[in-house]
Amino acid sequence: MATSMSNDPLVSPDSHGQGHGRALMSFAEEPLAARGARLIIVETSSVGGFERARAFYPKCGYTEEARIRNFYALGDDKIVFSKSLTV
């Protein structure tokens, strides 16, 4: 396994800011890295309800890699983030 991909992980809004999202990301990343994955890819939307996701991924070490304009709908871009799982 060289890469892995995930859509937005969901954390209940009343749990935002408590570290649950980071814990969920670590829970996904650690076994992938242990199995030899070198890269993880996540994607999210550019529309208004996804601001927190777009701010969250860089805090977890992800880099924005691509934006596919109008992917989901007119005015709704797909934003792709990646993170290296190798040291």
PDB file of N, CA and C in Angstrom:
ATOM      1  N   MET A   1       0.858  -1.171   0.000  1.00  0.00           N
ATOM      2  CA  MET A   1       0.000   0.000   0.000  1.00  0.00           C
ATOM      3  C   MET A   1       0.901   1.229   0.000  1.00  0.00           C
ATOM      4  N   ALA A   2       0.739   2.073  -0.991  1.00  0.00           N
ATOM      5  CA  ALA A   2       1.563   3.267  -1.078  1.00  0.00           C
ATOM      6  C   ALA A   2       0.814   4.520  -0.656  1.00  0.00           C
ATOM      7  N   THR A   3      -0.472   4.601  -0.966  1.00  0.00           N
ATOM      8  CA  THR A   3      -1.253   5.790  -0.629  1.00  0.00           C
ATOM      9  C   THR A   3      -2.607   5.379  -0.081  1.00  0.00           C
ATOM     10  N   SER A   4      -3.270   6.313   0.549  1.00  0.00           N
ATOM     11  CA  SER A   4      -4.620   6.093   1.035  1.00  0.00           C
ATOM     12  C   SER A   4      -5.394   7.387   0.878  1.00  0.00           C
ATOM     13  N   MET A   5      -6.714   7.280   0.761  1.00  0.00           N
ATOM     14  CA  MET A   5      -7.552   8.457   0.557  1.00  0.00           C
ATOM     15  C   MET A   5      -8.741   8.418   1.500  1.00  0.00           C
ATOM     16  N   SER A   6      -9.166   9.599   1.941  1.00  0.00           N
ATOM     17  CA  SER A   6     -10.317   9.701   2.830  1.00  0.00           C
ATOM     18  C   SER A   6     -11.117  10.945   2.483  1.00  0.00           C
ATOM     19  N   ASN A   7     -12.420  10.856   2.653  1.00  0.00           N
ATOM     20  CA  ASN A   7     -13.261  12.044   2.591  1.00  0.00           C
ATOM     21  C   ASN A   7     -13.279  12.657   3.985  1.00  0.00           C
ATOM     22  N   ASP A   8     -13.981  13.742   4.161  1.00  0.00           N
ATOM     23  CA  ASP A   8     -14.002  14.437   5.449  1.00  0.00           C
ATOM     24  C   ASP A   8     -14.431  13.518   6.581  1.00  0.00           C
ATOM     25  N   PRO A   9     -13.606  13.418   7.643  1.00  0.00           N
ATOM     26  CA  PRO A   9     -14.085  12.731   8.844  1.00  0.00           C
ATOM     27  C   PRO A   9     -15.083  13.649   9.539  1.00  0.00           C
ATOM     28  N   LEU A  10     -16.055  13.082  10.191  1.00  0.00           N
ATOM     29  CA  LEU A  10     -17.097  13.902  10.824  1.00  0.00           C
ATOM     30  C   LEU A  10     -16.989  13.818  12.334  1.00  0.00           C
ATOM     31  N   VAL A  11     -17.022  14.980  12.972  1.00  0.00           N
ATOM     32  CA  VAL A  11     -17.050  15.081  14.425  1.00  0.00           C
ATOM     33  C   VAL A  11     -18.264  15.932  14.765  1.00  0.00           C
ATOM     34  N   SER A  12     -19.017  15.501  15.734  1.00  0.00           N
ATOM     35  CA  SER A  12     -20.204  16.237  16.158  1.00  0.00           C
ATOM     36  C   SER A  12     -19.858  17.692  16.474  1.00  0.00           C
ATOM     37  N   PRO A  13     -20.664  18.636  16.004  1.00  0.00           N
ATOM     38  CA  PRO A  13     -20.362  20.049  16.261  1.00  0.00           C
ATOM     39  C   PRO A  13     -20.160  20.381  17.736  1.00  0.00           C
ATOM     40  N   ASP A  14     -20.881  19.709  18.648  1.00  0.00           N
ATOM     41  CA  ASP A  14     -20.670  20.009  20.065  1.00  0.00           C
ATOM     42  C   ASP A  14     -19.367  19.439  20.594  1.00  0.00           C
ATOM     43  N   SER A  15     -18.653  18.659  19.766  1.00  0.00           N
ATOM     44  CA  SER A  15     -17.348  18.121  20.163  1.00  0.00           C
ATOM     45  C   SER A  15     -16.187  18.862  19.499  1.00  0.00           C
ATOM     46  N   HIS A  16     -16.479  19.861  18.668  1.00  0.00           N
ATOM     47  CA  HIS A  16     -15.411  20.617  18.010  1.00  0.00           C
ATOM     48  C   HIS A  16     -14.509  21.267  19.045  1.00  0.00           C
ATOM     49  N   GLY A  17     -13.213  21.305  18.736  1.00  0.00           N
ATOM     50  CA  GLY A  17     -12.249  21.975  19.600  1.00  0.00           C
ATOM     51  C   GLY A  17     -11.803  21.172  20.798  1.00  0.00           C
ATOM     52  N   GLN A  18     -12.173  19.896  20.869  1.00  0.00           N
ATOM     53  CA  GLN A  18     -11.815  19.064  22.015  1.00  0.00           C
ATOM     54  C   GLN A  18     -10.760  18.011  21.680  1.00  0.00           C
ATOM     55  N   GLY A  19     -10.216  18.053  20.468  1.00  0.00           N
ATOM     56  CA  GLY A  19      -9.169  17.101  20.094  1.00  0.00           C
ATOM     57  C   GLY A  19      -9.668  15.813  19.475  1.00  0.00           C
ATOM     58  N   HIS A  20     -10.989  15.670  19.330  1.00  0.00           N
ATOM     59  CA  HIS A  20     -11.530  14.433  18.773  1.00  0.00           C
ATOM     60  C   HIS A  20     -11.168  14.262  17.301  1.00  0.00           C
ATOM     61  N   GLY A  21     -11.178  15.347  16.544  1.00  0.00           N
ATOM     62  CA  GLY A  21     -10.827  15.280  15.130  1.00  0.00           C
ATOM     63  C   GLY A  21      -9.387  14.847  14.928  1.00  0.00           C
ATOM     64  N   ARG A  22      -8.476  15.442  15.698  1.00  0.00           N
ATOM     65  CA  ARG A  22      -7.061  15.042  15.601  1.00  0.00           C
ATOM     66  C   ARG A  22      -6.885  13.584  16.005  1.00  0.00           C
ATOM     67  N   ALA A  23      -7.584  13.165  17.040  1.00  0.00           N
ATOM     68  CA  ALA A  23      -7.491  11.770  17.470  1.00  0.00           C
ATOM     69  C   ALA A  23      -8.005  10.837  16.369  1.00  0.00           C
ATOM     70  N   LEU A  24      -9.089  11.238  15.717  1.00  0.00           N
ATOM     71  CA  LEU A  24      -9.643  10.442  14.623  1.00  0.00           C
ATOM     72  C   LEU A  24      -8.651  10.349  13.465  1.00  0.00           C
ATOM     73  N   MET A  25      -8.011  11.475  13.138  1.00  0.00           N
ATOM     74  CA  MET A  25      -7.021  11.458  12.059  1.00  0.00           C
ATOM     75  C   MET A  25      -5.845  10.561  12.427  1.00  0.00           C
ATOM     76  N   SER A  26      -5.349  10.644  13.654  1.00  0.00           N
ATOM     77  CA  SER A  26      -4.247   9.776  14.099  1.00  0.00           C
ATOM     78  C   SER A  26      -4.663   8.314  14.055  1.00  0.00           C
ATOM     79  N   PHE A  27      -5.899   8.048  14.450  1.00  0.00           N
ATOM     80  CA  PHE A  27      -6.423   6.682  14.430  1.00  0.00           C
ATOM     81  C   PHE A  27      -6.393   6.113  13.012  1.00  0.00           C
ATOM     82  N   ALA A  28      -6.642   6.953  12.021  1.00  0.00           N
ATOM     83  CA  ALA A  28      -6.598   6.518  10.617  1.00  0.00           C
ATOM     84  C   ALA A  28      -5.169   6.462  10.095  1.00  0.00           C
ATOM     85  N   GLU A  29      -4.341   7.443  10.442  1.00  0.00           N
ATOM     86  CA  GLU A  29      -2.992   7.551   9.893  1.00  0.00           C
ATOM     87  C   GLU A  29      -2.033   6.500  10.419  1.00  0.00           C
ATOM     88  N   GLU A  30      -2.074   6.229  11.705  1.00  0.00           N
ATOM     89  CA  GLU A  30      -1.072   5.346  12.319  1.00  0.00           C
ATOM     90  C   GLU A  30      -1.074   3.936  11.742  1.00  0.00           C
ATOM     91  N   PRO A  31      -2.222   3.259  11.622  1.00  0.00           N
ATOM     92  CA  PRO A  31      -2.178   1.917  11.039  1.00  0.00           C
ATOM     93  C   PRO A  31      -1.802   1.930   9.551  1.00  0.00           C
ATOM     94  N   LEU A  32      -2.163   2.988   8.848  1.00  0.00           N
ATOM     95  CA  LEU A  32      -1.763   3.086   7.443  1.00  0.00           C
ATOM     96  C   LEU A  32      -0.251   3.198   7.337  1.00  0.00           C
ATOM     97  N   ALA A  33       0.343   4.041   8.165  1.00  0.00           N
ATOM     98  CA  ALA A  33       1.798   4.188   8.164  1.00  0.00           C
ATOM     99  C   ALA A  33       2.474   2.870   8.549  1.00  0.00           C
ATOM    100  N   ALA A  34       1.902   2.165   9.525  1.00  0.00           N
ATOM    101  CA  ALA A  34       2.478   0.882   9.956  1.00  0.00           C
ATOM    102  C   ALA A  34       2.430  -0.165   8.847  1.00  0.00           C
ATOM    103  N   ARG A  35       1.444  -0.042   7.945  1.00  0.00           N
ATOM    104  CA  ARG A  35       1.342  -0.986   6.822  1.00  0.00           C
ATOM    105  C   ARG A  35       2.141  -0.522   5.612  1.00  0.00           C
ATOM    106  N   GLY A  36       2.870   0.582   5.756  1.00  0.00           N
ATOM    107  CA  GLY A  36       3.735   1.025   4.681  1.00  0.00           C
ATOM    108  C   GLY A  36       3.162   2.102   3.772  1.00  0.00           C
ATOM    109  N   ALA A  37       1.995   2.644   4.097  1.00  0.00           N
ATOM    110  CA  ALA A  37       1.464   3.747   3.279  1.00  0.00           C
ATOM    111  C   ALA A  37       2.413   4.932   3.418  1.00  0.00           C
ATOM    112  N   ARG A  38       2.692   5.593   2.322  1.00  0.00           N
ATOM    113  CA  ARG A  38       3.614   6.726   2.373  1.00  0.00           C
ATOM    114  C   ARG A  38       2.902   8.059   2.302  1.00  0.00           C
ATOM    115  N   LEU A  39       1.632   8.060   1.907  1.00  0.00           N
ATOM    116  CA  LEU A  39       0.913   9.305   1.662  1.00  0.00           C
ATOM    117  C   LEU A  39      -0.565   9.090   1.935  1.00  0.00           C
ATOM    118  N   ILE A  40      -1.184  10.074   2.573  1.00  0.00           N
ATOM    119  CA  ILE A  40      -2.635  10.029   2.748  1.00  0.00           C
ATOM    120  C   ILE A  40      -3.223  11.271   2.091  1.00  0.00           C
ATOM    121  N   ILE A  41      -4.343  11.090   1.422  1.00  0.00           N
ATOM    122  CA  ILE A  41      -5.031  12.151   0.698  1.00  0.00           C
ATOM    123  C   ILE A  41      -6.425  12.316   1.309  1.00  0.00           C
ATOM    124  N   VAL A  42      -6.809  13.560   1.578  1.00  0.00           N
ATOM    125  CA  VAL A  42      -8.174  13.851   2.020  1.00  0.00           C
ATOM    126  C   VAL A  42      -8.742  14.922   1.099  1.00  0.00           C
ATOM    127  N   GLU A  43     -10.032  14.943   0.981  1.00  0.00           N
ATOM    128  CA  GLU A  43     -10.661  15.955   0.132  1.00  0.00           C
ATOM    129  C   GLU A  43     -11.827  16.578   0.872  1.00  0.00           C
ATOM    130  N   THR A  44     -12.130  17.805   0.509  1.00  0.00           N
ATOM    131  CA  THR A  44     -13.254  18.520   1.094  1.00  0.00           C
ATOM    132  C   THR A  44     -13.813  19.498   0.069  1.00  0.00           C
ATOM    133  N   SER A  45     -14.856  20.153   0.425  1.00  0.00           N
ATOM    134  CA  SER A  45     -15.554  21.079  -0.451  1.00  0.00           C
ATOM    135  C   SER A  45     -15.137  22.522  -0.161  1.00  0.00           C
ATOM    136  N   SER A  46     -15.333  23.370  -1.144  1.00  0.00           N
ATOM    137  CA  SER A  46     -15.009  24.789  -0.980  1.00  0.00           C
ATOM    138  C   SER A  46     -16.183  25.627  -0.487  1.00  0.00           C
ATOM    139  N   VAL A  47     -17.361  25.036  -0.357  1.00  0.00           N
ATOM    140  CA  VAL A  47     -18.531  25.824   0.025  1.00  0.00           C
ATOM    141  C   VAL A  47     -18.521  26.168   1.516  1.00  0.00           C
ATOM    142  N   GLY A  48     -19.410  27.053   1.888  1.00  0.00           N
ATOM    143  CA  GLY A  48     -19.435  27.636   3.213  1.00  0.00           C
ATOM    144  C   GLY A  48     -19.444  26.701   4.394  1.00  0.00           C
ATOM    145  N   GLY A  49     -20.101  25.574   4.312  1.00  0.00           N
ATOM    146  CA  GLY A  49     -20.196  24.683   5.460  1.00  0.00           C
ATOM    147  C   GLY A  49     -18.932  23.901   5.764  1.00  0.00           C
ATOM    148  N   PHE A  50     -17.886  24.089   4.969  1.00  0.00           N
ATOM    149  CA  PHE A  50     -16.677  23.292   5.125  1.00  0.00           C
ATOM    150  C   PHE A  50     -15.459  24.120   5.534  1.00  0.00           C
ATOM    151  N   GLU A  51     -15.675  25.342   6.037  1.00  0.00           N
ATOM    152  CA  GLU A  51     -14.550  26.180   6.461  1.00  0.00           C
ATOM    153  C   GLU A  51     -13.715  25.495   7.532  1.00  0.00           C
ATOM    154  N   ARG A  52     -14.388  24.876   8.491  1.00  0.00           N
ATOM    155  CA  ARG A  52     -13.656  24.225   9.585  1.00  0.00           C
ATOM    156  C   ARG A  52     -12.764  23.111   9.062  1.00  0.00           C
ATOM    157  N   ALA A  53     -13.258  22.333   8.111  1.00  0.00           N
ATOM    158  CA  ALA A  53     -12.444  21.255   7.541  1.00  0.00           C
ATOM    159  C   ALA A  53     -11.230  21.835   6.826  1.00  0.00           C
ATOM    160  N   ARG A  54     -11.446  22.899   6.060  1.00  0.00           N
ATOM    161  CA  ARG A  54     -10.333  23.504   5.315  1.00  0.00           C
ATOM    162  C   ARG A  54      -9.284  24.088   6.256  1.00  0.00           C
ATOM    163  N   ALA A  55      -9.681  24.549   7.428  1.00  0.00           N
ATOM    164  CA  ALA A  55      -8.734  25.064   8.415  1.00  0.00           C
ATOM    165  C   ALA A  55      -8.115  23.933   9.244  1.00  0.00           C
ATOM    166  N   PHE A  56      -8.854  22.861   9.425  1.00  0.00           N
ATOM    167  CA  PHE A  56      -8.422  21.745  10.265  1.00  0.00           C
ATOM    168  C   PHE A  56      -7.252  20.965   9.662  1.00  0.00           C
ATOM    169  N   TYR A  57      -7.337  20.630   8.395  1.00  0.00           N
ATOM    170  CA  TYR A  57      -6.322  19.765   7.797  1.00  0.00           C
ATOM    171  C   TYR A  57      -4.910  20.335   7.900  1.00  0.00           C
ATOM    172  N   PRO A  58      -4.669  21.611   7.595  1.00  0.00           N
ATOM    173  CA  PRO A  58      -3.310  22.132   7.770  1.00  0.00           C
ATOM    174  C   PRO A  58      -2.812  22.042   9.214  1.00  0.00           C
ATOM    175  N   LYS A  59      -3.708  22.173  10.183  1.00  0.00           N
ATOM    176  CA  LYS A  59      -3.315  22.047  11.587  1.00  0.00           C
ATOM    177  C   LYS A  59      -2.845  20.630  11.916  1.00  0.00           C
ATOM    178  N   CYS A  60      -3.280  19.666  11.097  1.00  0.00           N
ATOM    179  CA  CYS A  60      -2.888  18.271  11.294  1.00  0.00           C
ATOM    180  C   CYS A  60      -1.714  17.877  10.389  1.00  0.00           C
ATOM    181  N   GLY A  61      -1.092  18.859   9.759  1.00  0.00           N
ATOM    182  CA  GLY A  61       0.083  18.581   8.937  1.00  0.00           C
ATOM    183  C   GLY A  61      -0.185  18.333   7.469  1.00  0.00           C
ATOM    184  N   TYR A  62      -1.404  18.599   7.023  1.00  0.00           N
ATOM    185  CA  TYR A  62      -1.754  18.393   5.616  1.00  0.00           C
ATOM    186  C   TYR A  62      -1.471  19.659   4.811  1.00  0.00           C
ATOM    187  N   THR A  63      -1.138  19.459   3.548  1.00  0.00           N
ATOM    188  CA  THR A  63      -0.862  20.548   2.628  1.00  0.00           C
ATOM    189  C   THR A  63      -1.892  20.526   1.513  1.00  0.00           C
ATOM    190  N   GLU A  64      -2.420  21.698   1.165  1.00  0.00           N
ATOM    191  CA  GLU A  64      -3.347  21.748   0.033  1.00  0.00           C
ATOM    192  C   GLU A  64      -2.565  21.465  -1.242  1.00  0.00           C
ATOM    193  N   GLU A  65      -3.005  20.465  -1.991  1.00  0.00           N
ATOM    194  CA  GLU A  65      -2.317  20.028  -3.200  1.00  0.00           C
ATOM    195  C   GLU A  65      -3.041  20.420  -4.478  1.00  0.00           C
ATOM    196  N   ALA A  66      -4.370  20.465  -4.427  1.00  0.00           N
ATOM    197  CA  ALA A  66      -5.119  20.709  -5.663  1.00  0.00           C
ATOM    198  C   ALA A  66      -6.487  21.288  -5.348  1.00  0.00           C
ATOM    199  N   ARG A  67      -6.993  21.988  -6.334  1.00  0.00           N
ATOM    200  CA  ARG A  67      -8.362  22.505  -6.289  1.00  0.00           C
ATOM    201  C   ARG A  67      -8.947  22.230  -7.663  1.00  0.00           C
ATOM    202  N   ILE A  68     -10.011  21.470  -7.697  1.00  0.00           N
ATOM    203  CA  ILE A  68     -10.701  21.178  -8.950  1.00  0.00           C
ATOM    204  C   ILE A  68     -11.973  22.014  -8.958  1.00  0.00           C
ATOM    205  N   ARG A  69     -11.961  23.027  -9.762  1.00  0.00           N
ATOM    206  CA  ARG A  69     -13.058  23.998  -9.793  1.00  0.00           C
ATOM    207  C   ARG A  69     -14.366  23.355 -10.276  1.00  0.00           C
ATOM    208  N   ASN A  70     -15.445  23.732  -9.610  1.00  0.00           N
ATOM    209  CA  ASN A  70     -16.797  23.299  -9.985  1.00  0.00           C
ATOM    210  C   ASN A  70     -16.958  21.781 -10.009  1.00  0.00           C
ATOM    211  N   PHE A  71     -16.194  21.077  -9.200  1.00  0.00           N
ATOM    212  CA  PHE A  71     -16.225  19.612  -9.206  1.00  0.00           C
ATOM    213  C   PHE A  71     -17.568  19.063  -8.728  1.00  0.00           C
ATOM    214  N   TYR A  72     -18.007  19.500  -7.552  1.00  0.00           N
ATOM    215  CA  TYR A  72     -19.244  18.973  -6.980  1.00  0.00           C
ATOM    216  C   TYR A  72     -20.476  19.624  -7.605  1.00  0.00           C
ATOM    217  N   ALA A  73     -20.356  20.908  -7.893  1.00  0.00           N
ATOM    218  CA  ALA A  73     -21.427  21.691  -8.509  1.00  0.00           C
ATOM    219  C   ALA A  73     -20.811  23.018  -8.926  1.00  0.00           C
ATOM    220  N   LEU A  74     -21.526  23.792  -9.679  1.00  0.00           N
ATOM    221  CA  LEU A  74     -21.041  25.104 -10.082  1.00  0.00           C
ATOM    222  C   LEU A  74     -20.751  25.924  -8.823  1.00  0.00           C
ATOM    223  N   GLY A  75     -19.518  26.376  -8.670  1.00  0.00           N
ATOM    224  CA  GLY A  75     -19.123  27.147  -7.496  1.00  0.00           C
ATOM    225  C   GLY A  75     -18.713  26.317  -6.299  1.00  0.00           C
ATOM    226  N   ASP A  76     -18.701  25.010  -6.426  1.00  0.00           N
ATOM    227  CA  ASP A  76     -18.327  24.105  -5.330  1.00  0.00           C
ATOM    228  C   ASP A  76     -17.126  23.277  -5.776  1.00  0.00           C
ATOM    229  N   ASP A  77     -15.942  23.742  -5.375  1.00  0.00           N
ATOM    230  CA  ASP A  77     -14.692  23.090  -5.781  1.00  0.00           C
ATOM    231  C   ASP A  77     -14.357  21.916  -4.866  1.00  0.00           C
ATOM    232  N   LYS A  78     -13.648  20.950  -5.419  1.00  0.00           N
ATOM    233  CA  LYS A  78     -13.039  19.890  -4.613  1.00  0.00           C
ATOM    234  C   LYS A  78     -11.656  20.388  -4.222  1.00  0.00           C
ATOM    235  N   ILE A  79     -11.336  20.361  -2.932  1.00  0.00           N
ATOM    236  CA  ILE A  79     -10.015  20.750  -2.452  1.00  0.00           C
ATOM    237  C   ILE A  79      -9.355  19.499  -1.886  1.00  0.00           C
ATOM    238  N   VAL A  80      -8.160  19.220  -2.376  1.00  0.00           N
ATOM    239  CA  VAL A  80      -7.442  18.002  -2.024  1.00  0.00           C
ATOM    240  C   VAL A  80      -6.230  18.379  -1.168  1.00  0.00           C
ATOM    241  N   PHE A  81      -6.103  17.702  -0.036  1.00  0.00           N
ATOM    242  CA  PHE A  81      -4.963  17.868   0.873  1.00  0.00           C
ATOM    243  C   PHE A  81      -4.196  16.551   0.942  1.00  0.00           C
ATOM    244  N   SER A  82      -2.890  16.639   1.202  1.00  0.00           N
ATOM    245  CA  SER A  82      -2.102  15.418   1.371  1.00  0.00           C
ATOM    246  C   SER A  82      -1.173  15.562   2.576  1.00  0.00           C
ATOM    247  N   LYS A  83      -0.737  14.409   3.062  1.00  0.00           N
ATOM    248  CA  LYS A  83       0.217  14.357   4.171  1.00  0.00           C
ATOM    249  C   LYS A  83       1.121  13.152   3.981  1.00  0.00           C
ATOM    250  N   SER A  84       2.413  13.379   4.130  1.00  0.00           N
ATOM    251  CA  SER A  84       3.364  12.270   4.048  1.00  0.00           C
ATOM    252  C   SER A  84       3.286  11.468   5.344  1.00  0.00           C
ATOM    253  N   LEU A  85       3.281  10.160   5.213  1.00  0.00           N
ATOM    254  CA  LEU A  85       3.245   9.277   6.388  1.00  0.00           C
ATOM    255  C   LEU A  85       4.616   8.680   6.673  1.00  0.00           C
ATOM    256  N   THR A  86       5.613   9.077   5.908  1.00  0.00           N
ATOM    257  CA  THR A  86       6.972   8.582   6.124  1.00  0.00           C
ATOM    258  C   THR A  86       7.787   9.656   6.805  1.00  0.00           C
ATOM    259  N   VAL A  87       8.747   9.218   7.569  1.00  0.00           N
ATOM    260  CA  VAL A  87       9.601  10.166   8.312  1.00  0.00           C
ATOM    261  C   VAL A  87      10.757  10.613   7.459  1.00  0.00           C
TER     262      VAL A  87
END
